PDB file of N, CA and C in Angstrom:
ATOM      1  N   UNK A   1      16.207   3.505   3.051  1.00  0.00           N
ATOM      2  CA  UNK A   1      14.931   2.879   3.158  1.00  0.00           C
ATOM      3  C   UNK A   1      14.679   2.048   1.889  1.00  0.00           C
ATOM      4  N   UNK A   2      14.453   0.762   2.111  1.00  0.00           N
ATOM      5  CA  UNK A   2      14.196  -0.153   0.987  1.00  0.00           C
ATOM      6  C   UNK A   2      12.724  -0.174   0.744  1.00  0.00           C
ATOM      7  N   UNK A   3      12.380  -0.069  -0.542  1.00  0.00           N
ATOM      8  CA  UNK A   3      10.950  -0.208  -0.915  1.00  0.00           C
ATOM      9  C   UNK A   3      10.758  -1.581  -1.485  1.00  0.00           C
ATOM     10  N   UNK A   4       9.695  -2.279  -1.035  1.00  0.00           N
ATOM     11  CA  UNK A   4       9.356  -3.584  -1.506  1.00  0.00           C
ATOM     12  C   UNK A   4       7.898  -3.623  -1.927  1.00  0.00           C
ATOM     13  N   UNK A   5       7.671  -4.153  -3.112  1.00  0.00           N
ATOM     14  CA  UNK A   5       6.285  -4.318  -3.605  1.00  0.00           C
ATOM     15  C   UNK A   5       5.960  -5.871  -3.574  1.00  0.00           C
ATOM     16  N   UNK A   6       4.946  -6.175  -2.874  1.00  0.00           N
ATOM     17  CA  UNK A   6       4.481  -7.551  -2.776  1.00  0.00           C
ATOM     18  C   UNK A   6       3.325  -7.803  -3.687  1.00  0.00           C
ATOM     19  N   UNK A   7       3.076  -9.044  -4.099  1.00  0.00           N
ATOM     20  CA  UNK A   7       1.877  -9.340  -4.903  1.00  0.00           C
ATOM     21  C   UNK A   7       0.644  -9.160  -4.022  1.00  0.00           C
ATOM     22  N   UNK A   8      -0.488  -8.944  -4.674  1.00  0.00           N
ATOM     23  CA  UNK A   8      -1.726  -8.663  -3.961  1.00  0.00           C
ATOM     24  C   UNK A   8      -2.007  -9.651  -2.868  1.00  0.00           C
ATOM     25  N   UNK A   9      -1.916 -10.973  -3.148  1.00  0.00           N
ATOM     26  CA  UNK A   9      -2.278 -11.917  -2.174  1.00  0.00           C
ATOM     27  C   UNK A   9      -1.424 -11.869  -0.916  1.00  0.00           C
ATOM     28  N   UNK A  10      -0.098 -11.515  -1.059  1.00  0.00           N
ATOM     29  CA  UNK A  10       0.746 -11.380   0.153  1.00  0.00           C
ATOM     30  C   UNK A  10       0.497 -10.082   0.882  1.00  0.00           C
ATOM     31  N   UNK A  11       0.168  -9.008   0.125  1.00  0.00           N
ATOM     32  CA  UNK A  11      -0.212  -7.746   0.796  1.00  0.00           C
ATOM     33  C   UNK A  11      -1.481  -7.992   1.603  1.00  0.00           C
ATOM     34  N   UNK A  12      -2.440  -8.687   1.025  1.00  0.00           N
ATOM     35  CA  UNK A  12      -3.693  -8.956   1.676  1.00  0.00           C
ATOM     36  C   UNK A  12      -3.456  -9.839   2.937  1.00  0.00           C
ATOM     37  N   UNK A  13      -2.580 -10.818   2.846  1.00  0.00           N
ATOM     38  CA  UNK A  13      -2.310 -11.662   3.981  1.00  0.00           C
ATOM     39  C   UNK A  13      -1.611 -10.865   5.117  1.00  0.00           C
ATOM     40  N   UNK A  14      -0.695  -9.975   4.701  1.00  0.00           N
ATOM     41  CA  UNK A  14       0.017  -9.150   5.711  1.00  0.00           C
ATOM     42  C   UNK A  14      -0.847  -7.988   6.240  1.00  0.00           C
ATOM     43  N   UNK A  15      -1.969  -7.718   5.534  1.00  0.00           N
ATOM     44  CA  UNK A  15      -2.823  -6.603   5.995  1.00  0.00           C
ATOM     45  C   UNK A  15      -2.188  -5.240   5.657  1.00  0.00           C
ATOM     46  N   UNK A  16      -1.472  -5.163   4.523  1.00  0.00           N
ATOM     47  CA  UNK A  16      -0.902  -3.884   4.109  1.00  0.00           C
ATOM     48  C   UNK A  16      -1.418  -3.531   2.749  1.00  0.00           C
ATOM     49  N   UNK A  17      -1.331  -2.224   2.421  1.00  0.00           N
ATOM     50  CA  UNK A  17      -1.621  -1.775   1.100  1.00  0.00           C
ATOM     51  C   UNK A  17      -0.408  -0.972   0.595  1.00  0.00           C
ATOM     52  N   UNK A  18      -0.213  -1.038  -0.690  1.00  0.00           N
ATOM     53  CA  UNK A  18       0.916  -0.288  -1.249  1.00  0.00           C
ATOM     54  C   UNK A  18       2.274  -0.930  -0.979  1.00  0.00           C
ATOM     55  N   UNK A  19       3.256  -0.135  -1.053  1.00  0.00           N
ATOM     56  CA  UNK A  19       4.651  -0.633  -0.920  1.00  0.00           C
ATOM     57  C   UNK A  19       5.021  -0.731   0.593  1.00  0.00           C
ATOM     58  N   UNK A  20       5.946  -1.643   0.855  1.00  0.00           N
ATOM     59  CA  UNK A  20       6.558  -1.695   2.192  1.00  0.00           C
ATOM     60  C   UNK A  20       7.771  -0.786   2.191  1.00  0.00           C
ATOM     61  N   UNK A  21       8.046  -0.204   3.296  1.00  0.00           N
ATOM     62  CA  UNK A  21       9.286   0.585   3.491  1.00  0.00           C
ATOM     63  C   UNK A  21      10.012  -0.009   4.654  1.00  0.00           C
ATOM     64  N   UNK A  22      11.197  -0.474   4.416  1.00  0.00           N
ATOM     65  CA  UNK A  22      11.937  -1.240   5.430  1.00  0.00           C
ATOM     66  C   UNK A  22      13.368  -0.676   5.592  1.00  0.00           C
ATOM     67  N   UNK A  23      13.797  -0.660   6.836  1.00  0.00           N
ATOM     68  CA  UNK A  23      15.238  -0.331   7.129  1.00  0.00           C
ATOM     69  C   UNK A  23      15.985  -1.651   7.079  1.00  0.00           C
ATOM     70  N   UNK A  24      16.969  -1.725   6.256  1.00  0.00           N
ATOM     71  CA  UNK A  24      17.805  -2.960   6.195  1.00  0.00           C
ATOM     72  C   UNK A  24      19.255  -2.543   6.336  1.00  0.00           C
ATOM     73  N   UNK A  25      19.933  -3.156   7.288  1.00  0.00           N
ATOM     74  CA  UNK A  25      21.323  -2.831   7.541  1.00  0.00           C
ATOM     75  C   UNK A  25      22.197  -3.346   6.359  1.00  0.00           C
ATOM     76  N   UNK A  26      23.281  -2.646   6.067  1.00  0.00           N
ATOM     77  CA  UNK A  26      24.235  -3.058   5.071  1.00  0.00           C
ATOM     78  C   UNK A  26      24.985  -4.338   5.473  1.00  0.00           C
ATOM     79  N   UNK A  27      25.360  -5.180   4.608  1.00  0.00           N
ATOM     80  CA  UNK A  27      25.113  -5.176   3.192  1.00  0.00           C
ATOM     81  C   UNK A  27      23.680  -5.557   2.873  1.00  0.00           C
ATOM     82  N   UNK A  28      23.071  -4.818   1.954  1.00  0.00           N
ATOM     83  CA  UNK A  28      21.693  -5.066   1.597  1.00  0.00           C
ATOM     84  C   UNK A  28      21.662  -6.127   0.494  1.00  0.00           C
ATOM     85  N   UNK A  29      21.185  -7.296   0.896  1.00  0.00           N
ATOM     86  CA  UNK A  29      21.100  -8.402  -0.081  1.00  0.00           C
ATOM     87  C   UNK A  29      19.641  -8.871  -0.211  1.00  0.00           C
ATOM     88  N   UNK A  30      19.403  -9.725  -1.184  1.00  0.00           N
ATOM     89  CA  UNK A  30      18.089 -10.300  -1.299  1.00  0.00           C
ATOM     90  C   UNK A  30      17.654 -10.994  -0.008  1.00  0.00           C
ATOM     91  N   UNK A  31      18.538 -11.731   0.583  1.00  0.00           N
ATOM     92  CA  UNK A  31      18.263 -12.457   1.844  1.00  0.00           C
ATOM     93  C   UNK A  31      17.927 -11.444   2.962  1.00  0.00           C
ATOM     94  N   UNK A  32      18.709 -10.396   3.065  1.00  0.00           N
ATOM     95  CA  UNK A  32      18.476  -9.388   4.150  1.00  0.00           C
ATOM     96  C   UNK A  32      17.083  -8.745   3.984  1.00  0.00           C
ATOM     97  N   UNK A  33      16.756  -8.477   2.758  1.00  0.00           N
ATOM     98  CA  UNK A  33      15.451  -7.786   2.554  1.00  0.00           C
ATOM     99  C   UNK A  33      14.308  -8.760   2.858  1.00  0.00           C
ATOM    100  N   UNK A  34      14.382 -10.006   2.430  1.00  0.00           N
ATOM    101  CA  UNK A  34      13.317 -10.959   2.756  1.00  0.00           C
ATOM    102  C   UNK A  34      13.307 -11.216   4.295  1.00  0.00           C
ATOM    103  N   UNK A  35      14.472 -11.305   4.886  1.00  0.00           N
ATOM    104  CA  UNK A  35      14.545 -11.394   6.357  1.00  0.00           C
ATOM    105  C   UNK A  35      13.792 -10.234   7.015  1.00  0.00           C
ATOM    106  N   UNK A  36      13.993  -9.023   6.517  1.00  0.00           N
ATOM    107  CA  UNK A  36      13.298  -7.832   7.100  1.00  0.00           C
ATOM    108  C   UNK A  36      11.792  -7.918   6.848  1.00  0.00           C
ATOM    109  N   UNK A  37      11.398  -8.375   5.661  1.00  0.00           N
ATOM    110  CA  UNK A  37       9.964  -8.456   5.413  1.00  0.00           C
ATOM    111  C   UNK A  37       9.325  -9.512   6.399  1.00  0.00           C
ATOM    112  N   UNK A  38       9.995 -10.646   6.568  1.00  0.00           N
ATOM    113  CA  UNK A  38       9.465 -11.675   7.424  1.00  0.00           C
ATOM    114  C   UNK A  38       9.467 -11.283   8.915  1.00  0.00           C
ATOM    115  N   UNK A  39      10.496 -10.467   9.271  1.00  0.00           N
ATOM    116  CA  UNK A  39      10.538  -9.992  10.676  1.00  0.00           C
ATOM    117  C   UNK A  39       9.406  -9.018  10.992  1.00  0.00           C
ATOM    118  N   UNK A  40       9.100  -8.148   9.993  1.00  0.00           N
ATOM    119  CA  UNK A  40       8.059  -7.144  10.242  1.00  0.00           C
ATOM    120  C   UNK A  40       6.645  -7.801  10.107  1.00  0.00           C
ATOM    121  N   UNK A  41       6.586  -8.776   9.195  1.00  0.00           N
ATOM    122  CA  UNK A  41       5.268  -9.405   8.899  1.00  0.00           C
ATOM    123  C   UNK A  41       5.425 -10.920   9.023  1.00  0.00           C
ATOM    124  N   UNK A  42       5.475 -11.437  10.290  1.00  0.00           N
ATOM    125  CA  UNK A  42       5.751 -12.873  10.508  1.00  0.00           C
ATOM    126  C   UNK A  42       4.759 -13.785   9.753  1.00  0.00           C
ATOM    127  N   UNK A  43       3.531 -13.288   9.457  1.00  0.00           N
ATOM    128  CA  UNK A  43       2.555 -14.081   8.779  1.00  0.00           C
ATOM    129  C   UNK A  43       3.050 -14.477   7.348  1.00  0.00           C
ATOM    130  N   UNK A  44       4.016 -13.755   6.880  1.00  0.00           N
ATOM    131  CA  UNK A  44       4.538 -14.050   5.523  1.00  0.00           C
ATOM    132  C   UNK A  44       5.643 -15.132   5.526  1.00  0.00           C
ATOM    133  N   UNK A  45       6.076 -15.526   6.726  1.00  0.00           N
ATOM    134  CA  UNK A  45       7.101 -16.600   6.820  1.00  0.00           C
ATOM    135  C   UNK A  45       6.586 -17.851   6.143  1.00  0.00           C
ATOM    136  N   UNK A  46       7.390 -18.346   5.252  1.00  0.00           N
ATOM    137  CA  UNK A  46       6.974 -19.577   4.497  1.00  0.00           C
ATOM    138  C   UNK A  46       6.251 -19.316   3.216  1.00  0.00           C
ATOM    139  N   UNK A  47       5.879 -18.035   2.962  1.00  0.00           N
ATOM    140  CA  UNK A  47       5.155 -17.743   1.720  1.00  0.00           C
ATOM    141  C   UNK A  47       6.156 -17.328   0.617  1.00  0.00           C
ATOM    142  N   UNK A  48       7.219 -16.713   0.943  1.00  0.00           N
ATOM    143  CA  UNK A  48       8.210 -16.248  -0.027  1.00  0.00           C
ATOM    144  C   UNK A  48       9.322 -17.328  -0.140  1.00  0.00           C
ATOM    145  N   UNK A  49       9.722 -17.835   0.980  1.00  0.00           N
ATOM    146  CA  UNK A  49      10.788 -18.875   1.091  1.00  0.00           C
ATOM    147  C   UNK A  49      10.234 -20.068   1.831  1.00  0.00           C
ATOM    148  N   UNK A  50      10.788 -21.202   1.518  1.00  0.00           N
ATOM    149  CA  UNK A  50      10.401 -22.443   2.185  1.00  0.00           C
ATOM    150  C   UNK A  50      10.862 -22.405   3.632  1.00  0.00           C
ATOM    151  N   UNK A  51      10.066 -22.852   4.569  1.00  0.00           N
ATOM    152  CA  UNK A  51      10.441 -22.840   5.996  1.00  0.00           C
ATOM    153  C   UNK A  51      11.740 -23.630   6.270  1.00  0.00           C
ATOM    154  N   UNK A  52      11.771 -24.822   5.695  1.00  0.00           N
ATOM    155  CA  UNK A  52      12.882 -25.684   6.075  1.00  0.00           C
ATOM    156  C   UNK A  52      14.212 -25.360   5.299  1.00  0.00           C
ATOM    157  N   UNK A  53      14.092 -25.137   4.024  1.00  0.00           N
ATOM    158  CA  UNK A  53      15.315 -24.898   3.261  1.00  0.00           C
ATOM    159  C   UNK A  53      15.746 -23.466   3.209  1.00  0.00           C
ATOM    160  N   UNK A  54      14.786 -22.543   3.363  1.00  0.00           N
ATOM    161  CA  UNK A  54      15.090 -21.127   3.230  1.00  0.00           C
ATOM    162  C   UNK A  54      15.209 -20.655   1.814  1.00  0.00           C
ATOM    163  N   UNK A  55      14.935 -21.585   0.848  1.00  0.00           N
ATOM    164  CA  UNK A  55      15.053 -21.243  -0.543  1.00  0.00           C
ATOM    165  C   UNK A  55      13.781 -20.563  -1.025  1.00  0.00           C
ATOM    166  N   UNK A  56      13.918 -19.704  -2.035  1.00  0.00           N
ATOM    167  CA  UNK A  56      12.808 -19.025  -2.673  1.00  0.00           C
ATOM    168  C   UNK A  56      11.814 -20.033  -3.180  1.00  0.00           C
ATOM    169  N   UNK A  57      10.542 -19.792  -2.975  1.00  0.00           N
ATOM    170  CA  UNK A  57       9.522 -20.688  -3.493  1.00  0.00           C
ATOM    171  C   UNK A  57       9.491 -20.589  -5.033  1.00  0.00           C
ATOM    172  N   UNK A  58       9.264 -21.700  -5.669  1.00  0.00           N
ATOM    173  CA  UNK A  58       9.369 -21.783  -7.128  1.00  0.00           C
ATOM    174  C   UNK A  58       8.495 -20.721  -7.871  1.00  0.00           C
ATOM    175  N   UNK A  59       7.322 -20.475  -7.353  1.00  0.00           N
ATOM    176  CA  UNK A  59       6.446 -19.554  -8.029  1.00  0.00           C
ATOM    177  C   UNK A  59       6.524 -18.131  -7.546  1.00  0.00           C
ATOM    178  N   UNK A  60       7.631 -17.831  -6.868  1.00  0.00           N
ATOM    179  CA  UNK A  60       7.895 -16.463  -6.423  1.00  0.00           C
ATOM    180  C   UNK A  60       9.173 -15.947  -7.180  1.00  0.00           C
ATOM    181  N   UNK A  61       9.062 -14.763  -7.707  1.00  0.00           N
ATOM    182  CA  UNK A  61      10.199 -14.230  -8.480  1.00  0.00           C
ATOM    183  C   UNK A  61      10.566 -12.873  -7.843  1.00  0.00           C
ATOM    184  N   UNK A  62      11.877 -12.530  -7.991  1.00  0.00           N
ATOM    185  CA  UNK A  62      12.417 -11.239  -7.504  1.00  0.00           C
ATOM    186  C   UNK A  62      12.821 -10.422  -8.749  1.00  0.00           C
ATOM    187  N   UNK A  63      12.362  -9.213  -8.842  1.00  0.00           N
ATOM    188  CA  UNK A  63      12.748  -8.299  -9.885  1.00  0.00           C
ATOM    189  C   UNK A  63      13.437  -7.075  -9.288  1.00  0.00           C
ATOM    190  N   UNK A  64      14.624  -6.820  -9.834  1.00  0.00           N
ATOM    191  CA  UNK A  64      15.425  -5.706  -9.366  1.00  0.00           C
ATOM    192  C   UNK A  64      15.780  -4.832 -10.576  1.00  0.00           C
ATOM    193  N   UNK A  65      15.320  -3.604 -10.549  1.00  0.00           N
ATOM    194  CA  UNK A  65      15.586  -2.669 -11.661  1.00  0.00           C
ATOM    195  C   UNK A  65      15.190  -3.283 -13.007  1.00  0.00           C
ATOM    196  N   UNK A  66      13.983  -3.868 -13.023  1.00  0.00           N
ATOM    197  CA  UNK A  66      13.393  -4.466 -14.180  1.00  0.00           C
ATOM    198  C   UNK A  66      14.087  -5.718 -14.723  1.00  0.00           C
ATOM    199  N   UNK A  67      14.931  -6.328 -13.885  1.00  0.00           N
ATOM    200  CA  UNK A  67      15.632  -7.557 -14.238  1.00  0.00           C
ATOM    201  C   UNK A  67      15.207  -8.669 -13.270  1.00  0.00           C
ATOM    202  N   UNK A  68      15.080  -9.874 -13.805  1.00  0.00           N
ATOM    203  CA  UNK A  68      14.735 -10.998 -12.944  1.00  0.00           C
ATOM    204  C   UNK A  68      15.984 -11.503 -12.247  1.00  0.00           C
ATOM    205  N   UNK A  69      15.960 -11.334 -10.895  1.00  0.00           N
ATOM    206  CA  UNK A  69      17.088 -11.709 -10.079  1.00  0.00           C
ATOM    207  C   UNK A  69      16.808 -13.007  -9.344  1.00  0.00           C
ATOM    208  N   UNK A  70      15.783 -13.726  -9.723  1.00  0.00           N
ATOM    209  CA  UNK A  70      15.336 -14.895  -8.981  1.00  0.00           C
ATOM    210  C   UNK A  70      16.391 -15.966  -8.873  1.00  0.00           C
ATOM    211  N   UNK A  71      17.240 -16.114  -9.904  1.00  0.00           N
ATOM    212  CA  UNK A  71      18.192 -17.196  -9.922  1.00  0.00           C
ATOM    213  C   UNK A  71      19.498 -16.783  -9.230  1.00  0.00           C
ATOM    214  N   UNK A  72      19.623 -15.524  -8.842  1.00  0.00           N
ATOM    215  CA  UNK A  72      20.886 -15.074  -8.229  1.00  0.00           C
ATOM    216  C   UNK A  72      20.906 -15.579  -6.757  1.00  0.00           C
ATOM    217  N   UNK A  73      22.143 -15.765  -6.274  1.00  0.00           N
ATOM    218  CA  UNK A  73      22.257 -16.232  -4.861  1.00  0.00           C
ATOM    219  C   UNK A  73      21.669 -15.168  -3.889  1.00  0.00           C
ATOM    220  N   UNK A  74      21.027 -15.627  -2.811  1.00  0.00           N
ATOM    221  CA  UNK A  74      20.460 -14.714  -1.860  1.00  0.00           C
ATOM    222  C   UNK A  74      21.440 -13.735  -1.225  1.00  0.00           C
ATOM    223  N   UNK A  75      22.689 -14.084  -1.298  1.00  0.00           N
ATOM    224  CA  UNK A  75      23.733 -13.175  -0.697  1.00  0.00           C
ATOM    225  C   UNK A  75      24.152 -12.082  -1.667  1.00  0.00           C
ATOM    226  N   UNK A  76      23.582 -12.012  -2.874  1.00  0.00           N
ATOM    227  CA  UNK A  76      23.910 -11.008  -3.830  1.00  0.00           C
ATOM    228  C   UNK A  76      23.499  -9.611  -3.331  1.00  0.00           C
ATOM    229  N   UNK A  77      24.432  -8.696  -3.336  1.00  0.00           N
ATOM    230  CA  UNK A  77      24.141  -7.331  -2.872  1.00  0.00           C
ATOM    231  C   UNK A  77      23.263  -6.636  -3.943  1.00  0.00           C
ATOM    232  N   UNK A  78      22.280  -5.877  -3.432  1.00  0.00           N
ATOM    233  CA  UNK A  78      21.356  -5.146  -4.375  1.00  0.00           C
ATOM    234  C   UNK A  78      22.020  -3.874  -4.812  1.00  0.00           C
ATOM    235  N   UNK A  79      21.631  -3.414  -6.013  1.00  0.00           N
ATOM    236  CA  UNK A  79      22.251  -2.193  -6.537  1.00  0.00           C
ATOM    237  C   UNK A  79      21.839  -0.956  -5.781  1.00  0.00           C
ATOM    238  N   UNK A  80      22.573   0.146  -6.014  1.00  0.00           N
ATOM    239  CA  UNK A  80      22.317   1.396  -5.327  1.00  0.00           C
ATOM    240  C   UNK A  80      20.896   1.928  -5.520  1.00  0.00           C
ATOM    241  N   UNK A  81      20.309   1.635  -6.671  1.00  0.00           N
ATOM    242  CA  UNK A  81      18.941   2.130  -6.900  1.00  0.00           C
ATOM    243  C   UNK A  81      17.964   1.537  -5.901  1.00  0.00           C
ATOM    244  N   UNK A  82      18.146   0.266  -5.554  1.00  0.00           N
ATOM    245  CA  UNK A  82      17.299  -0.339  -4.604  1.00  0.00           C
ATOM    246  C   UNK A  82      17.673   0.107  -3.181  1.00  0.00           C
ATOM    247  N   UNK A  83      18.935   0.139  -2.847  1.00  0.00           N
ATOM    248  CA  UNK A  83      19.388   0.534  -1.517  1.00  0.00           C
ATOM    249  C   UNK A  83      18.965   1.941  -1.169  1.00  0.00           C
ATOM    250  N   UNK A  84      19.001   2.825  -2.139  1.00  0.00           N
ATOM    251  CA  UNK A  84      18.624   4.230  -1.918  1.00  0.00           C
ATOM    252  C   UNK A  84      17.108   4.443  -1.901  1.00  0.00           C
ATOM    253  N   UNK A  85      16.366   3.437  -2.364  1.00  0.00           N
ATOM    254  CA  UNK A  85      14.964   3.588  -2.436  1.00  0.00           C
ATOM    255  C   UNK A  85      14.439   4.230  -3.711  1.00  0.00           C
ATOM    256  N   UNK A  86      15.318   4.505  -4.669  1.00  0.00           N
ATOM    257  CA  UNK A  86      14.868   5.095  -5.914  1.00  0.00           C
ATOM    258  C   UNK A  86      14.023   4.081  -6.700  1.00  0.00           C
ATOM    259  N   UNK A  87      14.342   2.832  -6.582  1.00  0.00           N
ATOM    260  CA  UNK A  87      13.628   1.754  -7.259  1.00  0.00           C
ATOM    261  C   UNK A  87      13.142   0.732  -6.227  1.00  0.00           C
ATOM    262  N   UNK A  88      11.961   0.138  -6.340  1.00  0.00           N
ATOM    263  CA  UNK A  88      11.523  -0.897  -5.419  1.00  0.00           C
ATOM    264  C   UNK A  88      12.000  -2.256  -5.832  1.00  0.00           C
ATOM    265  N   UNK A  89      12.168  -3.101  -4.836  1.00  0.00           N
ATOM    266  CA  UNK A  89      12.340  -4.557  -5.072  1.00  0.00           C
ATOM    267  C   UNK A  89      10.977  -5.114  -5.290  1.00  0.00           C
ATOM    268  N   UNK A  90      10.781  -5.771  -6.399  1.00  0.00           N
ATOM    269  CA  UNK A  90       9.477  -6.404  -6.700  1.00  0.00           C
ATOM    270  C   UNK A  90       9.508  -7.870  -6.371  1.00  0.00           C
ATOM    271  N   UNK A  91       8.625  -8.297  -5.503  1.00  0.00           N
ATOM    272  CA  UNK A  91       8.455  -9.729  -5.235  1.00  0.00           C
ATOM    273  C   UNK A  91       7.124 -10.121  -5.920  1.00  0.00           C
ATOM    274  N   UNK A  92       7.253 -10.959  -6.932  1.00  0.00           N
ATOM    275  CA  UNK A  92       6.151 -11.242  -7.830  1.00  0.00           C
ATOM    276  C   UNK A  92       5.735 -12.697  -7.727  1.00  0.00           C
ATOM    277  N   UNK A  93       4.469 -12.930  -7.629  1.00  0.00           N
ATOM    278  CA  UNK A  93       3.967 -14.289  -7.685  1.00  0.00           C
ATOM    279  C   UNK A  93       3.702 -14.674  -9.158  1.00  0.00           C
ATOM    280  N   UNK A  94       4.364 -15.760  -9.560  1.00  0.00           N
ATOM    281  CA  UNK A  94       4.265 -16.187 -10.950  1.00  0.00           C
ATOM    282  C   UNK A  94       2.829 -16.597 -11.243  1.00  0.00           C
ATOM    283  N   UNK A  95       2.427 -16.461 -12.453  1.00  0.00           N
ATOM    284  CA  UNK A  95       1.132 -16.839 -12.868  1.00  0.00           C
ATOM    285  C   UNK A  95       1.190 -18.230 -13.498  1.00  0.00           C
ATOM    286  N   UNK A  96       0.277 -19.072 -13.108  1.00  0.00           N
ATOM    287  CA  UNK A  96       0.245 -20.415 -13.690  1.00  0.00           C
ATOM    288  C   UNK A  96      -1.211 -20.751 -13.995  1.00  0.00           C
ATOM    289  N   UNK A  97      -1.367 -21.680 -14.887  1.00  0.00           N
ATOM    290  CA  UNK A  97      -2.691 -22.104 -15.203  1.00  0.00           C
ATOM    291  C   UNK A  97      -2.919 -22.076 -16.723  1.00  0.00           C
ATOM    292  N   UNK A  98      -4.018 -22.419 -17.157  1.00  0.00           N
ATOM    293  CA  UNK A  98      -4.264 -22.499 -18.604  1.00  0.00           C
ATOM    294  C   UNK A  98      -5.250 -21.544 -19.169  1.00  0.00           C
TER     295      UNK A  98
END
């Protein structure tokens, strides 16, 4: 079971509170997890990734085991801590402004 933490505004949009718990078939990659999030919560399509390109939106970041994985290819397999559910995948909305 993969645990995913969304930023407040995406949890609010999806109508969920707390962490998401998702079943993701192996190999568990960033892309597979975001695919699972979007499949369960279609309202989130286009909020994490661009509709047309499928690329991560600029102001969205992925944190895996306290490391920024945002620049890694979406096909990168996630570590055992995420796959086992010991650690959550954090999807974070970047802060901007002055």
